[in-house]
Amino acid sequence: MKGSRYTEEFKIEAVKQVTEQMIAPVMSALETQPKIVIDQVIAEGDNVVHIAHGEGGIAKNGKSYNNSYCHVMRLKDGKIVESTEYCDTALINETLAKSMS
């Protein structure tokens, strides 16, 4: 791809690794996945931020898991080209760490 320093194969492998190493362990520790509720969306130019929270999440250990999130995205030609998620990692550790495989 012109203008990109990463190949499509690299990008696909990166998404696979993030899914396997970060997202899958969290999801496997949940008995009930939370419903994600978007509280606010802020957009300016090519930048979009959405603030959200989870409702109804229950970990396999019976603890409530309802995190807060902030997603910061950069768009180009109507597609997300960069995305960063911020959340309460202490809540993940306190609620899910022992249940994650």
PDB file of N, CA and C in Angstrom:
ATOM      1  N   MET A   1       0.837  -1.191   0.000  1.00  0.00           N
ATOM      2  CA  MET A   1       0.000   0.000   0.000  1.00  0.00           C
ATOM      3  C   MET A   1       0.876   1.246   0.000  1.00  0.00           C
ATOM      4  N   LYS A   2       0.621   2.101  -0.905  1.00  0.00           N
ATOM      5  CA  LYS A   2       1.375   3.345  -0.973  1.00  0.00           C
ATOM      6  C   LYS A   2       1.084   4.191   0.258  1.00  0.00           C
ATOM      7  N   GLY A   3       2.144   4.715   0.868  1.00  0.00           N
ATOM      8  CA  GLY A   3       1.981   5.589   2.014  1.00  0.00           C
ATOM      9  C   GLY A   3       1.839   4.855   3.339  1.00  0.00           C
ATOM     10  N   SER A   4       1.814   3.526   3.330  1.00  0.00           N
ATOM     11  CA  SER A   4       1.686   2.764   4.562  1.00  0.00           C
ATOM     12  C   SER A   4       2.987   2.035   4.825  1.00  0.00           C
ATOM     13  N   ARG A   5       3.451   2.058   6.049  1.00  0.00           N
ATOM     14  CA  ARG A   5       4.692   1.360   6.368  1.00  0.00           C
ATOM     15  C   ARG A   5       4.430  -0.080   6.803  1.00  0.00           C
ATOM     16  N   TYR A   6       3.144  -0.481   6.875  1.00  0.00           N
ATOM     17  CA  TYR A   6       2.785  -1.835   7.286  1.00  0.00           C
ATOM     18  C   TYR A   6       2.056  -2.550   6.166  1.00  0.00           C
ATOM     19  N   THR A   7       2.405  -3.809   5.958  1.00  0.00           N
ATOM     20  CA  THR A   7       1.724  -4.607   4.942  1.00  0.00           C
ATOM     21  C   THR A   7       0.373  -5.061   5.473  1.00  0.00           C
ATOM     22  N   GLU A   8      -0.495  -5.478   4.555  1.00  0.00           N
ATOM     23  CA  GLU A   8      -1.801  -6.005   4.959  1.00  0.00           C
ATOM     24  C   GLU A   8      -1.627  -7.255   5.818  1.00  0.00           C
ATOM     25  N   GLU A   9      -0.644  -8.089   5.485  1.00  0.00           N
ATOM     26  CA  GLU A   9      -0.390  -9.300   6.266  1.00  0.00           C
ATOM     27  C   GLU A   9      -0.003  -8.950   7.705  1.00  0.00           C
ATOM     28  N   PHE A  10       0.822  -7.926   7.856  1.00  0.00           N
ATOM     29  CA  PHE A  10       1.215  -7.488   9.196  1.00  0.00           C
ATOM     30  C   PHE A  10      -0.002  -7.010   9.976  1.00  0.00           C
ATOM     31  N   LYS A  11      -0.858  -6.222   9.336  1.00  0.00           N
ATOM     32  CA  LYS A  11      -2.048  -5.696  10.005  1.00  0.00           C
ATOM     33  C   LYS A  11      -2.984  -6.824  10.433  1.00  0.00           C
ATOM     34  N   ILE A  12      -3.183  -7.802   9.556  1.00  0.00           N
ATOM     35  CA  ILE A  12      -4.051  -8.943   9.879  1.00  0.00           C
ATOM     36  C   ILE A  12      -3.470  -9.711  11.061  1.00  0.00           C
ATOM     37  N   GLU A  13      -2.173  -9.949  11.056  1.00  0.00           N
ATOM     38  CA  GLU A  13      -1.529 -10.674  12.158  1.00  0.00           C
ATOM     39  C   GLU A  13      -1.617  -9.874  13.457  1.00  0.00           C
ATOM     40  N   ALA A  14      -1.473  -8.564  13.391  1.00  0.00           N
ATOM     41  CA  ALA A  14      -1.572  -7.725  14.587  1.00  0.00           C
ATOM     42  C   ALA A  14      -2.962  -7.811  15.198  1.00  0.00           C
ATOM     43  N   VAL A  15      -3.994  -7.738  14.366  1.00  0.00           N
ATOM     44  CA  VAL A  15      -5.373  -7.853  14.863  1.00  0.00           C
ATOM     45  C   VAL A  15      -5.591  -9.230  15.480  1.00  0.00           C
ATOM     46  N   LYS A  16      -5.084 -10.268  14.835  1.00  0.00           N
ATOM     47  CA  LYS A  16      -5.208 -11.634  15.358  1.00  0.00           C
ATOM     48  C   LYS A  16      -4.559 -11.742  16.738  1.00  0.00           C
ATOM     49  N   GLN A  17      -3.358 -11.184  16.882  1.00  0.00           N
ATOM     50  CA  GLN A  17      -2.657 -11.259  18.163  1.00  0.00           C
ATOM     51  C   GLN A  17      -3.376 -10.476  19.255  1.00  0.00           C
ATOM     52  N   VAL A  18      -3.877  -9.294  18.930  1.00  0.00           N
ATOM     53  CA  VAL A  18      -4.626  -8.514  19.922  1.00  0.00           C
ATOM     54  C   VAL A  18      -5.862  -9.280  20.360  1.00  0.00           C
ATOM     55  N   THR A  19      -6.556  -9.876  19.397  1.00  0.00           N
ATOM     56  CA  THR A  19      -7.763 -10.647  19.716  1.00  0.00           C
ATOM     57  C   THR A  19      -7.429 -11.839  20.603  1.00  0.00           C
ATOM     58  N   GLU A  20      -6.413 -12.594  20.233  1.00  0.00           N
ATOM     59  CA  GLU A  20      -6.060 -13.803  20.981  1.00  0.00           C
ATOM     60  C   GLU A  20      -5.456 -13.496  22.356  1.00  0.00           C
ATOM     61  N   GLN A  21      -4.612 -12.482  22.433  1.00  0.00           N
ATOM     62  CA  GLN A  21      -3.859 -12.236  23.659  1.00  0.00           C
ATOM     63  C   GLN A  21      -4.517 -11.248  24.612  1.00  0.00           C
ATOM     64  N   MET A  22      -5.408 -10.406  24.111  1.00  0.00           N
ATOM     65  CA  MET A  22      -6.001  -9.388  24.979  1.00  0.00           C
ATOM     66  C   MET A  22      -7.516  -9.529  25.108  1.00  0.00           C
ATOM     67  N   ILE A  23      -8.206  -9.619  24.001  1.00  0.00           N
ATOM     68  CA  ILE A  23      -9.670  -9.617  24.033  1.00  0.00           C
ATOM     69  C   ILE A  23     -10.217 -10.981  24.454  1.00  0.00           C
ATOM     70  N   ALA A  24      -9.716 -12.066  23.857  1.00  0.00           N
ATOM     71  CA  ALA A  24     -10.237 -13.405  24.162  1.00  0.00           C
ATOM     72  C   ALA A  24     -10.122 -13.767  25.638  1.00  0.00           C
ATOM     73  N   PRO A  25      -8.993 -13.493  26.309  1.00  0.00           N
ATOM     74  CA  PRO A  25      -8.926 -13.829  27.742  1.00  0.00           C
ATOM     75  C   PRO A  25      -9.956 -13.081  28.586  1.00  0.00           C
ATOM     76  N   VAL A  26     -10.204 -11.829  28.262  1.00  0.00           N
ATOM     77  CA  VAL A  26     -11.214 -11.062  29.002  1.00  0.00           C
ATOM     78  C   VAL A  26     -12.598 -11.654  28.754  1.00  0.00           C
ATOM     79  N   MET A  27     -12.915 -11.921  27.486  1.00  0.00           N
ATOM     80  CA  MET A  27     -14.232 -12.467  27.159  1.00  0.00           C
ATOM     81  C   MET A  27     -14.438 -13.852  27.785  1.00  0.00           C
ATOM     82  N   SER A  28     -13.367 -14.659  27.858  1.00  0.00           N
ATOM     83  CA  SER A  28     -13.503 -16.000  28.426  1.00  0.00           C
ATOM     84  C   SER A  28     -13.727 -15.961  29.939  1.00  0.00           C
ATOM     85  N   ALA A  29     -13.378 -14.864  30.581  1.00  0.00           N
ATOM     86  CA  ALA A  29     -13.557 -14.728  32.028  1.00  0.00           C
ATOM     87  C   ALA A  29     -14.958 -14.237  32.391  1.00  0.00           C
ATOM     88  N   LEU A  30     -15.775 -13.941  31.378  1.00  0.00           N
ATOM     89  CA  LEU A  30     -17.115 -13.407  31.628  1.00  0.00           C
ATOM     90  C   LEU A  30     -18.181 -14.486  31.475  1.00  0.00           C
ATOM     91  N   GLU A  31     -19.056 -14.554  32.445  1.00  0.00           N
ATOM     92  CA  GLU A  31     -20.237 -15.412  32.346  1.00  0.00           C
ATOM     93  C   GLU A  31     -21.271 -14.730  31.449  1.00  0.00           C
ATOM     94  N   THR A  32     -21.433 -13.423  31.671  1.00  0.00           N
ATOM     95  CA  THR A  32     -22.363 -12.614  30.885  1.00  0.00           C
ATOM     96  C   THR A  32     -21.613 -11.375  30.412  1.00  0.00           C
ATOM     97  N   GLN A  33     -21.547 -11.179  29.104  1.00  0.00           N
ATOM     98  CA  GLN A  33     -20.870 -10.004  28.577  1.00  0.00           C
ATOM     99  C   GLN A  33     -21.725  -8.773  28.809  1.00  0.00           C
ATOM    100  N   PRO A  34     -21.092  -7.662  29.162  1.00  0.00           N
ATOM    101  CA  PRO A  34     -21.879  -6.446  29.377  1.00  0.00           C
ATOM    102  C   PRO A  34     -22.411  -5.880  28.073  1.00  0.00           C
ATOM    103  N   LYS A  35     -23.543  -5.222  28.168  1.00  0.00           N
ATOM    104  CA  LYS A  35     -24.074  -4.440  27.048  1.00  0.00           C
ATOM    105  C   LYS A  35     -23.314  -3.123  27.070  1.00  0.00           C
ATOM    106  N   ILE A  36     -22.759  -2.729  25.940  1.00  0.00           N
ATOM    107  CA  ILE A  36     -22.007  -1.479  25.863  1.00  0.00           C
ATOM    108  C   ILE A  36     -22.970  -0.348  25.507  1.00  0.00           C
ATOM    109  N   VAL A  37     -22.998   0.665  26.360  1.00  0.00           N
ATOM    110  CA  VAL A  37     -23.875   1.821  26.179  1.00  0.00           C
ATOM    111  C   VAL A  37     -22.998   3.029  25.855  1.00  0.00           C
ATOM    112  N   ILE A  38     -23.237   3.646  24.691  1.00  0.00           N
ATOM    113  CA  ILE A  38     -22.480   4.839  24.308  1.00  0.00           C
ATOM    114  C   ILE A  38     -23.136   6.048  24.957  1.00  0.00           C
ATOM    115  N   ASP A  39     -22.357   6.745  25.780  1.00  0.00           N
ATOM    116  CA  ASP A  39     -22.857   7.907  26.515  1.00  0.00           C
ATOM    117  C   ASP A  39     -22.687   9.213  25.748  1.00  0.00           C
ATOM    118  N   GLN A  40     -21.600   9.303  24.985  1.00  0.00           N
ATOM    119  CA  GLN A  40     -21.320  10.562  24.301  1.00  0.00           C
ATOM    120  C   GLN A  40     -20.421  10.296  23.099  1.00  0.00           C
ATOM    121  N   VAL A  41     -20.656  11.031  22.021  1.00  0.00           N
ATOM    122  CA  VAL A  41     -19.805  10.976  20.834  1.00  0.00           C
ATOM    123  C   VAL A  41     -19.373  12.398  20.520  1.00  0.00           C
ATOM    124  N   ILE A  42     -18.071  12.564  20.328  1.00  0.00           N
ATOM    125  CA  ILE A  42     -17.507  13.874  19.997  1.00  0.00           C
ATOM    126  C   ILE A  42     -16.727  13.702  18.700  1.00  0.00           C
ATOM    127  N   ALA A  43     -17.012  14.525  17.717  1.00  0.00           N
ATOM    128  CA  ALA A  43     -16.323  14.414  16.433  1.00  0.00           C
ATOM    129  C   ALA A  43     -15.864  15.779  15.968  1.00  0.00           C
ATOM    130  N   GLU A  44     -14.645  15.808  15.453  1.00  0.00           N
ATOM    131  CA  GLU A  44     -14.108  17.036  14.877  1.00  0.00           C
ATOM    132  C   GLU A  44     -13.113  16.636  13.795  1.00  0.00           C
ATOM    133  N   GLY A  45     -13.381  17.063  12.582  1.00  0.00           N
ATOM    134  CA  GLY A  45     -12.500  16.696  11.476  1.00  0.00           C
ATOM    135  C   GLY A  45     -12.474  15.186  11.304  1.00  0.00           C
ATOM    136  N   ASP A  46     -11.285  14.617  11.282  1.00  0.00           N
ATOM    137  CA  ASP A  46     -11.114  13.172  11.121  1.00  0.00           C
ATOM    138  C   ASP A  46     -11.038  12.433  12.448  1.00  0.00           C
ATOM    139  N   ASN A  47     -11.288  13.124  13.549  1.00  0.00           N
ATOM    140  CA  ASN A  47     -11.176  12.515  14.870  1.00  0.00           C
ATOM    141  C   ASN A  47     -12.552  12.312  15.497  1.00  0.00           C
ATOM    142  N   VAL A  48     -12.746  11.122  16.062  1.00  0.00           N
ATOM    143  CA  VAL A  48     -13.995  10.788  16.739  1.00  0.00           C
ATOM    144  C   VAL A  48     -13.646  10.166  18.090  1.00  0.00           C
ATOM    145  N   VAL A  49     -14.344  10.601  19.118  1.00  0.00           N
ATOM    146  CA  VAL A  49     -14.188  10.033  20.456  1.00  0.00           C
ATOM    147  C   VAL A  49     -15.561   9.586  20.917  1.00  0.00           C
ATOM    148  N   HIS A  50     -15.631   8.372  21.460  1.00  0.00           N
ATOM    149  CA  HIS A  50     -16.892   8.013  22.089  1.00  0.00           C
ATOM    150  C   HIS A  50     -16.621   7.478  23.484  1.00  0.00           C
ATOM    151  N   ILE A  51     -17.456   7.928  24.384  1.00  0.00           N
ATOM    152  CA  ILE A  51     -17.376   7.557  25.793  1.00  0.00           C
ATOM    153  C   ILE A  51     -18.521   6.591  26.049  1.00  0.00           C
ATOM    154  N   ALA A  52     -18.210   5.466  26.704  1.00  0.00           N
ATOM    155  CA  ALA A  52     -19.208   4.429  26.891  1.00  0.00           C
ATOM    156  C   ALA A  52     -19.021   3.741  28.242  1.00  0.00           C
ATOM    157  N   HIS A  53     -20.006   2.940  28.596  1.00  0.00           N
ATOM    158  CA  HIS A  53     -19.899   2.113  29.805  1.00  0.00           C
ATOM    159  C   HIS A  53     -20.625   0.796  29.571  1.00  0.00           C
ATOM    160  N   GLY A  54     -20.264  -0.194  30.359  1.00  0.00           N
ATOM    161  CA  GLY A  54     -20.903  -1.491  30.263  1.00  0.00           C
ATOM    162  C   GLY A  54     -21.984  -1.645  31.320  1.00  0.00           C
ATOM    163  N   GLU A  55     -23.008  -2.428  30.990  1.00  0.00           N
ATOM    164  CA  GLU A  55     -24.094  -2.730  31.928  1.00  0.00           C
ATOM    165  C   GLU A  55     -24.388  -4.221  31.881  1.00  0.00           C
ATOM    166  N   GLY A  56     -24.565  -4.823  33.040  1.00  0.00           N
ATOM    167  CA  GLY A  56     -25.004  -6.213  33.120  1.00  0.00           C
ATOM    168  C   GLY A  56     -23.917  -7.255  32.981  1.00  0.00           C
ATOM    169  N   GLY A  57     -22.656  -6.843  32.988  1.00  0.00           N
ATOM    170  CA  GLY A  57     -21.566  -7.809  32.872  1.00  0.00           C
ATOM    171  C   GLY A  57     -21.350  -8.564  34.178  1.00  0.00           C
ATOM    172  N   ILE A  58     -21.196  -9.881  34.067  1.00  0.00           N
ATOM    173  CA  ILE A  58     -20.934 -10.720  35.237  1.00  0.00           C
ATOM    174  C   ILE A  58     -19.746 -11.625  34.917  1.00  0.00           C
ATOM    175  N   ALA A  59     -18.739 -11.594  35.780  1.00  0.00           N
ATOM    176  CA  ALA A  59     -17.582 -12.471  35.619  1.00  0.00           C
ATOM    177  C   ALA A  59     -17.948 -13.885  36.062  1.00  0.00           C
ATOM    178  N   LYS A  60     -17.165 -14.864  35.619  1.00  0.00           N
ATOM    179  CA  LYS A  60     -17.413 -16.257  35.996  1.00  0.00           C
ATOM    180  C   LYS A  60     -17.278 -16.474  37.500  1.00  0.00           C
ATOM    181  N   ASN A  61     -16.557 -15.562  38.172  1.00  0.00           N
ATOM    182  CA  ASN A  61     -16.422 -15.658  39.628  1.00  0.00           C
ATOM    183  C   ASN A  61     -17.591 -14.992  40.355  1.00  0.00           C
ATOM    184  N   GLY A  62     -18.599 -14.526  39.590  1.00  0.00           N
ATOM    185  CA  GLY A  62     -19.796 -13.923  40.166  1.00  0.00           C
ATOM    186  C   GLY A  62     -19.719 -12.424  40.395  1.00  0.00           C
ATOM    187  N   LYS A  63     -18.546 -11.831  40.201  1.00  0.00           N
ATOM    188  CA  LYS A  63     -18.389 -10.387  40.407  1.00  0.00           C
ATOM    189  C   LYS A  63     -18.978  -9.612  39.238  1.00  0.00           C
ATOM    190  N   SER A  64     -19.497  -8.443  39.552  1.00  0.00           N
ATOM    191  CA  SER A  64     -20.028  -7.543  38.534  1.00  0.00           C
ATOM    192  C   SER A  64     -18.867  -6.969  37.726  1.00  0.00           C
ATOM    193  N   TYR A  65     -19.039  -6.905  36.410  1.00  0.00           N
ATOM    194  CA  TYR A  65     -18.021  -6.320  35.543  1.00  0.00           C
ATOM    195  C   TYR A  65     -18.682  -5.329  34.595  1.00  0.00           C
ATOM    196  N   ASN A  66     -18.610  -4.073  34.951  1.00  0.00           N
ATOM    197  CA  ASN A  66     -19.193  -2.994  34.160  1.00  0.00           C
ATOM    198  C   ASN A  66     -18.163  -1.885  34.035  1.00  0.00           C
ATOM    199  N   ASN A  67     -17.327  -1.986  33.037  1.00  0.00           N
ATOM    200  CA  ASN A  67     -16.222  -1.062  32.861  1.00  0.00           C
ATOM    201  C   ASN A  67     -16.687   0.238  32.206  1.00  0.00           C
ATOM    202  N   SER A  68     -15.828   1.237  32.251  1.00  0.00           N
ATOM    203  CA  SER A  68     -16.024   2.504  31.543  1.00  0.00           C
ATOM    204  C   SER A  68     -14.985   2.560  30.432  1.00  0.00           C
ATOM    205  N   TYR A  69     -15.369   3.132  29.301  1.00  0.00           N
ATOM    206  CA  TYR A  69     -14.491   3.133  28.136  1.00  0.00           C
ATOM    207  C   TYR A  69     -14.440   4.507  27.484  1.00  0.00           C
ATOM    208  N   CYS A  70     -13.303   4.766  26.857  1.00  0.00           N
ATOM    209  CA  CYS A  70     -13.156   5.928  25.986  1.00  0.00           C
ATOM    210  C   CYS A  70     -12.398   5.437  24.760  1.00  0.00           C
ATOM    211  N   HIS A  71     -13.022   5.533  23.601  1.00  0.00           N
ATOM    212  CA  HIS A  71     -12.398   5.141  22.338  1.00  0.00           C
ATOM    213  C   HIS A  71     -12.058   6.405  21.557  1.00  0.00           C
ATOM    214  N   VAL A  72     -10.806   6.500  21.133  1.00  0.00           N
ATOM    215  CA  VAL A  72     -10.340   7.625  20.339  1.00  0.00           C
ATOM    216  C   VAL A  72      -9.980   7.062  18.966  1.00  0.00           C
ATOM    217  N   MET A  73     -10.647   7.567  17.942  1.00  0.00           N
ATOM    218  CA  MET A  73     -10.432   7.043  16.595  1.00  0.00           C
ATOM    219  C   MET A  73     -10.067   8.147  15.624  1.00  0.00           C
ATOM    220  N   ARG A  74      -9.240   7.774  14.654  1.00  0.00           N
ATOM    221  CA  ARG A  74      -8.920   8.677  13.552  1.00  0.00           C
ATOM    222  C   ARG A  74      -9.431   8.025  12.278  1.00  0.00           C
ATOM    223  N   LEU A  75     -10.139   8.792  11.484  1.00  0.00           N
ATOM    224  CA  LEU A  75     -10.731   8.294  10.247  1.00  0.00           C
ATOM    225  C   LEU A  75      -9.992   8.839   9.036  1.00  0.00           C
ATOM    226  N   LYS A  76     -10.049   8.069   7.970  1.00  0.00           N
ATOM    227  CA  LYS A  76      -9.535   8.535   6.684  1.00  0.00           C
ATOM    228  C   LYS A  76     -10.420   7.917   5.619  1.00  0.00           C
ATOM    229  N   ASP A  77     -10.969   8.743   4.764  1.00  0.00           N
ATOM    230  CA  ASP A  77     -11.866   8.281   3.697  1.00  0.00           C
ATOM    231  C   ASP A  77     -13.016   7.449   4.268  1.00  0.00           C
ATOM    232  N   GLY A  78     -13.523   7.838   5.424  1.00  0.00           N
ATOM    233  CA  GLY A  78     -14.664   7.170   6.027  1.00  0.00           C
ATOM    234  C   GLY A  78     -14.358   5.864   6.733  1.00  0.00           C
ATOM    235  N   LYS A  79     -13.082   5.505   6.857  1.00  0.00           N
ATOM    236  CA  LYS A  79     -12.688   4.263   7.521  1.00  0.00           C
ATOM    237  C   LYS A  79     -11.815   4.573   8.732  1.00  0.00           C
ATOM    238  N   ILE A  80     -11.929   3.713   9.752  1.00  0.00           N
ATOM    239  CA  ILE A  80     -11.084   3.867  10.938  1.00  0.00           C
ATOM    240  C   ILE A  80      -9.676   3.422  10.576  1.00  0.00           C
ATOM    241  N   VAL A  81      -8.709   4.325  10.748  1.00  0.00           N
ATOM    242  CA  VAL A  81      -7.312   3.993  10.454  1.00  0.00           C
ATOM    243  C   VAL A  81      -6.475   3.908  11.726  1.00  0.00           C
ATOM    244  N   GLU A  82      -7.028   4.407  12.815  1.00  0.00           N
ATOM    245  CA  GLU A  82      -6.329   4.338  14.101  1.00  0.00           C
ATOM    246  C   GLU A  82      -7.373   4.321  15.208  1.00  0.00           C
ATOM    247  N   SER A  83      -7.158   3.481  16.199  1.00  0.00           N
ATOM    248  CA  SER A  83      -8.112   3.391  17.299  1.00  0.00           C
ATOM    249  C   SER A  83      -7.368   3.082  18.592  1.00  0.00           C
ATOM    250  N   THR A  84      -7.679   3.820  19.635  1.00  0.00           N
ATOM    251  CA  THR A  84      -7.106   3.588  20.953  1.00  0.00           C
ATOM    252  C   THR A  84      -8.246   3.513  21.949  1.00  0.00           C
ATOM    253  N   GLU A  85      -8.204   2.495  22.813  1.00  0.00           N
ATOM    254  CA  GLU A  85      -9.233   2.339  23.837  1.00  0.00           C
ATOM    255  C   GLU A  85      -8.612   2.563  25.204  1.00  0.00           C
ATOM    256  N   TYR A  86      -9.311   3.327  26.009  1.00  0.00           N
ATOM    257  CA  TYR A  86      -8.925   3.530  27.399  1.00  0.00           C
ATOM    258  C   TYR A  86     -10.019   2.928  28.264  1.00  0.00           C
ATOM    259  N   CYS A  87      -9.628   2.193  29.294  1.00  0.00           N
ATOM    260  CA  CYS A  87     -10.607   1.618  30.205  1.00  0.00           C
ATOM    261  C   CYS A  87      -9.972   1.460  31.581  1.00  0.00           C
ATOM    262  N   ASP A  88     -10.756   1.012  32.529  1.00  0.00           N
ATOM    263  CA  ASP A  88     -10.313   0.842  33.908  1.00  0.00           C
ATOM    264  C   ASP A  88      -9.603  -0.503  34.034  1.00  0.00           C
ATOM    265  N   THR A  89      -8.277  -0.504  33.867  1.00  0.00           N
ATOM    266  CA  THR A  89      -7.524  -1.753  33.934  1.00  0.00           C
ATOM    267  C   THR A  89      -7.472  -2.315  35.350  1.00  0.00           C
ATOM    268  N   ALA A  90      -7.591  -1.463  36.366  1.00  0.00           N
ATOM    269  CA  ALA A  90      -7.644  -1.964  37.744  1.00  0.00           C
ATOM    270  C   ALA A  90      -8.900  -2.815  37.934  1.00  0.00           C
ATOM    271  N   LEU A  91     -10.012  -2.406  37.326  1.00  0.00           N
ATOM    272  CA  LEU A  91     -11.244  -3.194  37.408  1.00  0.00           C
ATOM    273  C   LEU A  91     -11.051  -4.558  36.741  1.00  0.00           C
ATOM    274  N   ILE A  92     -10.368  -4.579  35.611  1.00  0.00           N
ATOM    275  CA  ILE A  92     -10.089  -5.854  34.943  1.00  0.00           C
ATOM    276  C   ILE A  92      -9.285  -6.752  35.875  1.00  0.00           C
ATOM    277  N   ASN A  93      -8.240  -6.208  36.475  1.00  0.00           N
ATOM    278  CA  ASN A  93      -7.406  -7.001  37.377  1.00  0.00           C
ATOM    279  C   ASN A  93      -8.172  -7.481  38.599  1.00  0.00           C
ATOM    280  N   GLU A  94      -8.955  -6.614  39.202  1.00  0.00           N
ATOM    281  CA  GLU A  94      -9.691  -6.966  40.413  1.00  0.00           C
ATOM    282  C   GLU A  94     -10.803  -7.980  40.148  1.00  0.00           C
ATOM    283  N   THR A  95     -11.451  -7.844  39.007  1.00  0.00           N
ATOM    284  CA  THR A  95     -12.653  -8.635  38.722  1.00  0.00           C
ATOM    285  C   THR A  95     -12.354  -9.886  37.912  1.00  0.00           C
ATOM    286  N   LEU A  96     -11.456  -9.794  36.958  1.00  0.00           N
ATOM    287  CA  LEU A  96     -11.296 -10.866  35.982  1.00  0.00           C
ATOM    288  C   LEU A  96      -9.974 -11.620  36.010  1.00  0.00           C
ATOM    289  N   ALA A  97      -8.933 -11.034  36.586  1.00  0.00           N
ATOM    290  CA  ALA A  97      -7.577 -11.584  36.437  1.00  0.00           C
ATOM    291  C   ALA A  97      -7.480 -13.067  36.775  1.00  0.00           C
ATOM    292  N   LYS A  98      -8.059 -13.508  37.866  1.00  0.00           N
ATOM    293  CA  LYS A  98      -7.945 -14.909  38.265  1.00  0.00           C
ATOM    294  C   LYS A  98      -8.771 -15.832  37.385  1.00  0.00           C
ATOM    295  N   SER A  99      -9.759 -15.287  36.683  1.00  0.00           N
ATOM    296  CA  SER A  99     -10.639 -16.097  35.822  1.00  0.00           C
ATOM    297  C   SER A  99     -10.134 -16.180  34.382  1.00  0.00           C
ATOM    298  N   MET A 100      -9.178 -15.305  34.010  1.00  0.00           N
ATOM    299  CA  MET A 100      -8.728 -15.284  32.617  1.00  0.00           C
ATOM    300  C   MET A 100      -7.829 -16.478  32.340  1.00  0.00           C
ATOM    301  N   SER A 101      -8.061 -17.110  31.182  1.00  0.00           N
ATOM    302  CA  SER A 101      -7.254 -18.276  30.805  1.00  0.00           C
ATOM    303  C   SER A 101      -6.080 -17.879  29.950  1.00  0.00           C
TER     304      SER A 101
END
